[in-house]
């Protein structure tokens, strides 16, 4: 595990806000020379602290206006049942995130689709048709005042 000092933390925060920032601008913001800053960024990349860079997309401009979180309970808690569910979910483009969690349900999904009718189709024809699924509870996102996912 790599030690994250104050300067590395600043570098990570700046890159989280803008992954396309130039090294010169980044160095200026964190108070380092460009060469020292580049060495630190490369070290963070080699250590796997910076796993990858991504573009943050405006989904509404792509026709995706419906977001929901879905709590999914399985009828069987076996490894085989979980693996089958995860394989099926990995093929569904509407599923943007899938988390295996503790508590009264097994999975929390983040779903993105065009609108309510397309969500209903996903809910009924895909998710509801999986033999492992025992319970589905939907939580429709009405707004996201804070969202720091990349």
C-alpha atoms as a PDB file:
ATOM      1  CA  UNK A   1       0.000   0.000   0.000  1.00  0.00           C
ATOM      2  CA  UNK A   2       1.350   3.386  -0.974  1.00  0.00           C
ATOM      3  CA  UNK A   3       1.588   6.171   1.585  1.00  0.00           C
ATOM      4  CA  UNK A   4      -0.496   9.152   0.521  1.00  0.00           C
ATOM      5  CA  UNK A   5       1.094  12.330   1.827  1.00  0.00           C
ATOM      6  CA  UNK A   6      -0.487  15.787   1.665  1.00  0.00           C
ATOM      7  CA  UNK A   7       0.914  16.601  -1.774  1.00  0.00           C
ATOM      8  CA  UNK A   8      -0.162  13.264  -3.272  1.00  0.00           C
ATOM      9  CA  UNK A   9      -3.602  13.839  -1.768  1.00  0.00           C
ATOM     10  CA  UNK A  10      -3.758  17.274  -3.431  1.00  0.00           C
ATOM     11  CA  UNK A  11      -2.665  15.750  -6.746  1.00  0.00           C
ATOM     12  CA  UNK A  12      -5.383  13.100  -6.493  1.00  0.00           C
ATOM     13  CA  UNK A  13      -8.050  15.658  -5.662  1.00  0.00           C
ATOM     14  CA  UNK A  14      -7.061  17.875  -8.596  1.00  0.00           C
ATOM     15  CA  UNK A  15      -7.015  14.913 -10.999  1.00  0.00           C
ATOM     16  CA  UNK A  16     -10.393  13.761  -9.663  1.00  0.00           C
ATOM     17  CA  UNK A  17     -11.830  17.155 -10.542  1.00  0.00           C
ATOM     18  CA  UNK A  18     -10.114  17.364 -13.941  1.00  0.00           C
ATOM     19  CA  UNK A  19      -8.326  14.316 -15.323  1.00  0.00           C
ATOM     20  CA  UNK A  20      -7.242  16.303 -18.390  1.00  0.00           C
ATOM     21  CA  UNK A  21      -5.415  19.016 -16.468  1.00  0.00           C
ATOM     22  CA  UNK A  22      -1.969  19.696 -17.903  1.00  0.00           C
ATOM     23  CA  UNK A  23       1.023  18.691 -15.825  1.00  0.00           C
ATOM     24  CA  UNK A  24       2.153  22.321 -15.705  1.00  0.00           C
ATOM     25  CA  UNK A  25      -1.209  23.480 -14.315  1.00  0.00           C
ATOM     26  CA  UNK A  26      -1.325  20.554 -11.874  1.00  0.00           C
ATOM     27  CA  UNK A  27       2.201  21.316 -10.659  1.00  0.00           C
ATOM     28  CA  UNK A  28       1.260  24.955 -10.137  1.00  0.00           C
ATOM     29  CA  UNK A  29      -1.862  24.051  -8.149  1.00  0.00           C
ATOM     30  CA  UNK A  30      -0.016  21.673  -5.806  1.00  0.00           C
ATOM     31  CA  UNK A  31       3.157  23.773  -5.481  1.00  0.00           C
ATOM     32  CA  UNK A  32       5.661  21.481  -7.214  1.00  0.00           C
ATOM     33  CA  UNK A  33       7.957  21.776 -10.192  1.00  0.00           C
ATOM     34  CA  UNK A  34       6.504  20.149 -13.317  1.00  0.00           C
ATOM     35  CA  UNK A  35       9.107  17.361 -13.263  1.00  0.00           C
ATOM     36  CA  UNK A  36       8.491  16.536  -9.574  1.00  0.00           C
ATOM     37  CA  UNK A  37       4.750  16.590 -10.164  1.00  0.00           C
ATOM     38  CA  UNK A  38       5.004  14.271 -13.183  1.00  0.00           C
ATOM     39  CA  UNK A  39       7.144  11.827 -11.175  1.00  0.00           C
ATOM     40  CA  UNK A  40       4.521  11.736  -8.418  1.00  0.00           C
ATOM     41  CA  UNK A  41       1.648  11.192 -10.872  1.00  0.00           C
ATOM     42  CA  UNK A  42       3.556   8.384 -12.580  1.00  0.00           C
ATOM     43  CA  UNK A  43       4.313   6.811  -9.194  1.00  0.00           C
ATOM     44  CA  UNK A  44       0.605   6.990  -8.269  1.00  0.00           C
ATOM     45  CA  UNK A  45      -0.252   5.333 -11.592  1.00  0.00           C
ATOM     46  CA  UNK A  46       2.381   2.576 -11.175  1.00  0.00           C
ATOM     47  CA  UNK A  47       1.160   1.874  -7.633  1.00  0.00           C
ATOM     48  CA  UNK A  48      -2.402   1.521  -8.931  1.00  0.00           C
ATOM     49  CA  UNK A  49      -3.733   4.404  -6.822  1.00  0.00           C
ATOM     50  CA  UNK A  50      -4.723   6.036 -10.104  1.00  0.00           C
ATOM     51  CA  UNK A  51      -6.367   3.074 -11.812  1.00  0.00           C
ATOM     52  CA  UNK A  52      -7.599   4.817 -14.966  1.00  0.00           C
ATOM     53  CA  UNK A  53      -8.881   8.064 -16.412  1.00  0.00           C
ATOM     54  CA  UNK A  54     -12.470   8.554 -17.557  1.00  0.00           C
ATOM     55  CA  UNK A  55     -14.761  11.058 -19.151  1.00  0.00           C
ATOM     56  CA  UNK A  56     -17.781  12.204 -17.145  1.00  0.00           C
ATOM     57  CA  UNK A  57     -20.756  12.007 -19.480  1.00  0.00           C
ATOM     58  CA  UNK A  58     -23.930  14.053 -19.390  1.00  0.00           C
ATOM     59  CA  UNK A  59     -26.409  11.206 -19.662  1.00  0.00           C
ATOM     60  CA  UNK A  60     -29.402  13.483 -20.246  1.00  0.00           C
ATOM     61  CA  UNK A  61     -27.780  14.722 -23.459  1.00  0.00           C
ATOM     62  CA  UNK A  62     -27.478  11.073 -24.482  1.00  0.00           C
ATOM     63  CA  UNK A  63     -31.201  10.439 -24.003  1.00  0.00           C
ATOM     64  CA  UNK A  64     -30.892   8.845 -20.569  1.00  0.00           C
ATOM     65  CA  UNK A  65     -33.375  10.600 -18.333  1.00  0.00           C
ATOM     66  CA  UNK A  66     -34.317   7.894 -15.837  1.00  0.00           C
ATOM     67  CA  UNK A  67     -32.078   6.743 -12.988  1.00  0.00           C
ATOM     68  CA  UNK A  68     -33.003   4.330 -10.225  1.00  0.00           C
ATOM     69  CA  UNK A  69     -31.346   2.277  -7.548  1.00  0.00           C
ATOM     70  CA  UNK A  70     -32.730  -1.217  -7.197  1.00  0.00           C
ATOM     71  CA  UNK A  71     -32.393  -3.415  -4.146  1.00  0.00           C
ATOM     72  CA  UNK A  72     -32.386  -7.058  -5.230  1.00  0.00           C
ATOM     73  CA  UNK A  73     -32.904 -10.040  -2.978  1.00  0.00           C
ATOM     74  CA  UNK A  74     -32.062 -13.533  -4.164  1.00  0.00           C
ATOM     75  CA  UNK A  75     -34.055 -16.639  -3.367  1.00  0.00           C
ATOM     76  CA  UNK A  76     -30.908 -18.718  -2.923  1.00  0.00           C
ATOM     77  CA  UNK A  77     -27.776 -17.506  -1.164  1.00  0.00           C
ATOM     78  CA  UNK A  78     -25.423 -19.980  -2.802  1.00  0.00           C
ATOM     79  CA  UNK A  79     -22.291 -18.979  -4.683  1.00  0.00           C
ATOM     80  CA  UNK A  80     -23.715 -20.492  -7.878  1.00  0.00           C
ATOM     81  CA  UNK A  81     -26.858 -18.360  -7.594  1.00  0.00           C
ATOM     82  CA  UNK A  82     -24.839 -15.199  -7.019  1.00  0.00           C
ATOM     83  CA  UNK A  83     -22.533 -15.950  -9.949  1.00  0.00           C
ATOM     84  CA  UNK A  84     -25.469 -16.623 -12.271  1.00  0.00           C
ATOM     85  CA  UNK A  85     -27.116 -13.361 -11.220  1.00  0.00           C
ATOM     86  CA  UNK A  86     -23.879 -11.407 -11.709  1.00  0.00           C
ATOM     87  CA  UNK A  87     -23.336 -12.913 -15.176  1.00  0.00           C
ATOM     88  CA  UNK A  88     -26.856 -11.927 -16.244  1.00  0.00           C
ATOM     89  CA  UNK A  89     -26.521  -8.414 -14.831  1.00  0.00           C
ATOM     90  CA  UNK A  90     -23.133  -7.870 -16.486  1.00  0.00           C
ATOM     91  CA  UNK A  91     -24.851  -8.240 -19.884  1.00  0.00           C
ATOM     92  CA  UNK A  92     -27.530  -5.615 -19.165  1.00  0.00           C
ATOM     93  CA  UNK A  93     -26.519  -2.200 -20.545  1.00  0.00           C
ATOM     94  CA  UNK A  94     -29.033  -0.459 -18.257  1.00  0.00           C
ATOM     95  CA  UNK A  95     -27.050  -1.596 -15.205  1.00  0.00           C
ATOM     96  CA  UNK A  96     -24.329   0.988 -14.615  1.00  0.00           C
ATOM     97  CA  UNK A  97     -23.310  -0.322 -11.186  1.00  0.00           C
ATOM     98  CA  UNK A  98     -23.808  -3.590  -9.338  1.00  0.00           C
ATOM     99  CA  UNK A  99     -22.789  -3.920  -5.696  1.00  0.00           C
ATOM    100  CA  UNK A 100     -22.959  -7.078  -3.573  1.00  0.00           C
ATOM    101  CA  UNK A 101     -23.892  -5.734  -0.137  1.00  0.00           C
ATOM    102  CA  UNK A 102     -24.707  -6.890   3.369  1.00  0.00           C
ATOM    103  CA  UNK A 103     -28.094  -6.611   5.011  1.00  0.00           C
ATOM    104  CA  UNK A 104     -31.535  -7.856   4.082  1.00  0.00           C
ATOM    105  CA  UNK A 105     -30.804  -7.863   0.342  1.00  0.00           C
ATOM    106  CA  UNK A 106     -27.865  -9.137  -1.668  1.00  0.00           C
ATOM    107  CA  UNK A 107     -27.404  -6.523  -4.396  1.00  0.00           C
ATOM    108  CA  UNK A 108     -27.787  -2.817  -5.036  1.00  0.00           C
ATOM    109  CA  UNK A 109     -27.968  -1.805  -8.695  1.00  0.00           C
ATOM    110  CA  UNK A 110     -27.790   1.602 -10.347  1.00  0.00           C
ATOM    111  CA  UNK A 111     -29.965   1.611 -13.460  1.00  0.00           C
ATOM    112  CA  UNK A 112     -29.935   4.229 -16.203  1.00  0.00           C
ATOM    113  CA  UNK A 113     -32.387   4.195 -19.102  1.00  0.00           C
ATOM    114  CA  UNK A 114     -34.287   6.563 -21.347  1.00  0.00           C
ATOM    115  CA  UNK A 115     -37.563   6.822 -19.460  1.00  0.00           C
ATOM    116  CA  UNK A 116     -40.083   5.064 -17.240  1.00  0.00           C
ATOM    117  CA  UNK A 117     -41.438   2.753 -19.993  1.00  0.00           C
ATOM    118  CA  UNK A 118     -37.915   1.536 -20.818  1.00  0.00           C
ATOM    119  CA  UNK A 119     -37.277   0.985 -17.100  1.00  0.00           C
ATOM    120  CA  UNK A 120     -40.496  -1.042 -16.860  1.00  0.00           C
ATOM    121  CA  UNK A 121     -39.301  -3.212 -19.741  1.00  0.00           C
ATOM    122  CA  UNK A 122     -35.962  -3.789 -18.002  1.00  0.00           C
ATOM    123  CA  UNK A 123     -37.668  -4.457 -14.657  1.00  0.00           C
ATOM    124  CA  UNK A 124     -40.164  -6.936 -16.092  1.00  0.00           C
ATOM    125  CA  UNK A 125     -38.413  -8.618 -19.002  1.00  0.00           C
ATOM    126  CA  UNK A 126     -34.847  -8.758 -17.720  1.00  0.00           C
ATOM    127  CA  UNK A 127     -34.596  -8.447 -13.954  1.00  0.00           C
ATOM    128  CA  UNK A 128     -37.945  -9.998 -13.093  1.00  0.00           C
ATOM    129  CA  UNK A 129     -37.277 -12.931 -15.417  1.00  0.00           C
ATOM    130  CA  UNK A 130     -34.113 -14.046 -13.617  1.00  0.00           C
ATOM    131  CA  UNK A 131     -34.783 -17.238 -11.656  1.00  0.00           C
ATOM    132  CA  UNK A 132     -32.470 -16.168  -8.822  1.00  0.00           C
ATOM    133  CA  UNK A 133     -34.406 -12.985  -8.041  1.00  0.00           C
ATOM    134  CA  UNK A 134     -36.782 -13.106  -5.093  1.00  0.00           C
ATOM    135  CA  UNK A 135     -37.380  -9.421  -4.317  1.00  0.00           C
ATOM    136  CA  UNK A 136     -37.022  -6.132  -6.189  1.00  0.00           C
ATOM    137  CA  UNK A 137     -37.372  -2.717  -4.591  1.00  0.00           C
ATOM    138  CA  UNK A 138     -36.879   0.357  -6.782  1.00  0.00           C
ATOM    139  CA  UNK A 139     -35.757   3.784  -5.621  1.00  0.00           C
ATOM    140  CA  UNK A 140     -36.188   6.396  -8.353  1.00  0.00           C
ATOM    141  CA  UNK A 141     -33.605   9.187  -8.346  1.00  0.00           C
ATOM    142  CA  UNK A 142     -35.320  12.572  -8.435  1.00  0.00           C
ATOM    143  CA  UNK A 143     -32.093  14.576  -8.324  1.00  0.00           C
ATOM    144  CA  UNK A 144     -28.423  14.248  -7.409  1.00  0.00           C
ATOM    145  CA  UNK A 145     -27.212  17.320  -5.519  1.00  0.00           C
ATOM    146  CA  UNK A 146     -23.847  15.616  -4.982  1.00  0.00           C
ATOM    147  CA  UNK A 147     -22.427  12.981  -7.315  1.00  0.00           C
ATOM    148  CA  UNK A 148     -18.664  12.479  -7.418  1.00  0.00           C
ATOM    149  CA  UNK A 149     -18.604   9.304  -9.472  1.00  0.00           C
ATOM    150  CA  UNK A 150     -16.302   9.504 -12.466  1.00  0.00           C
END
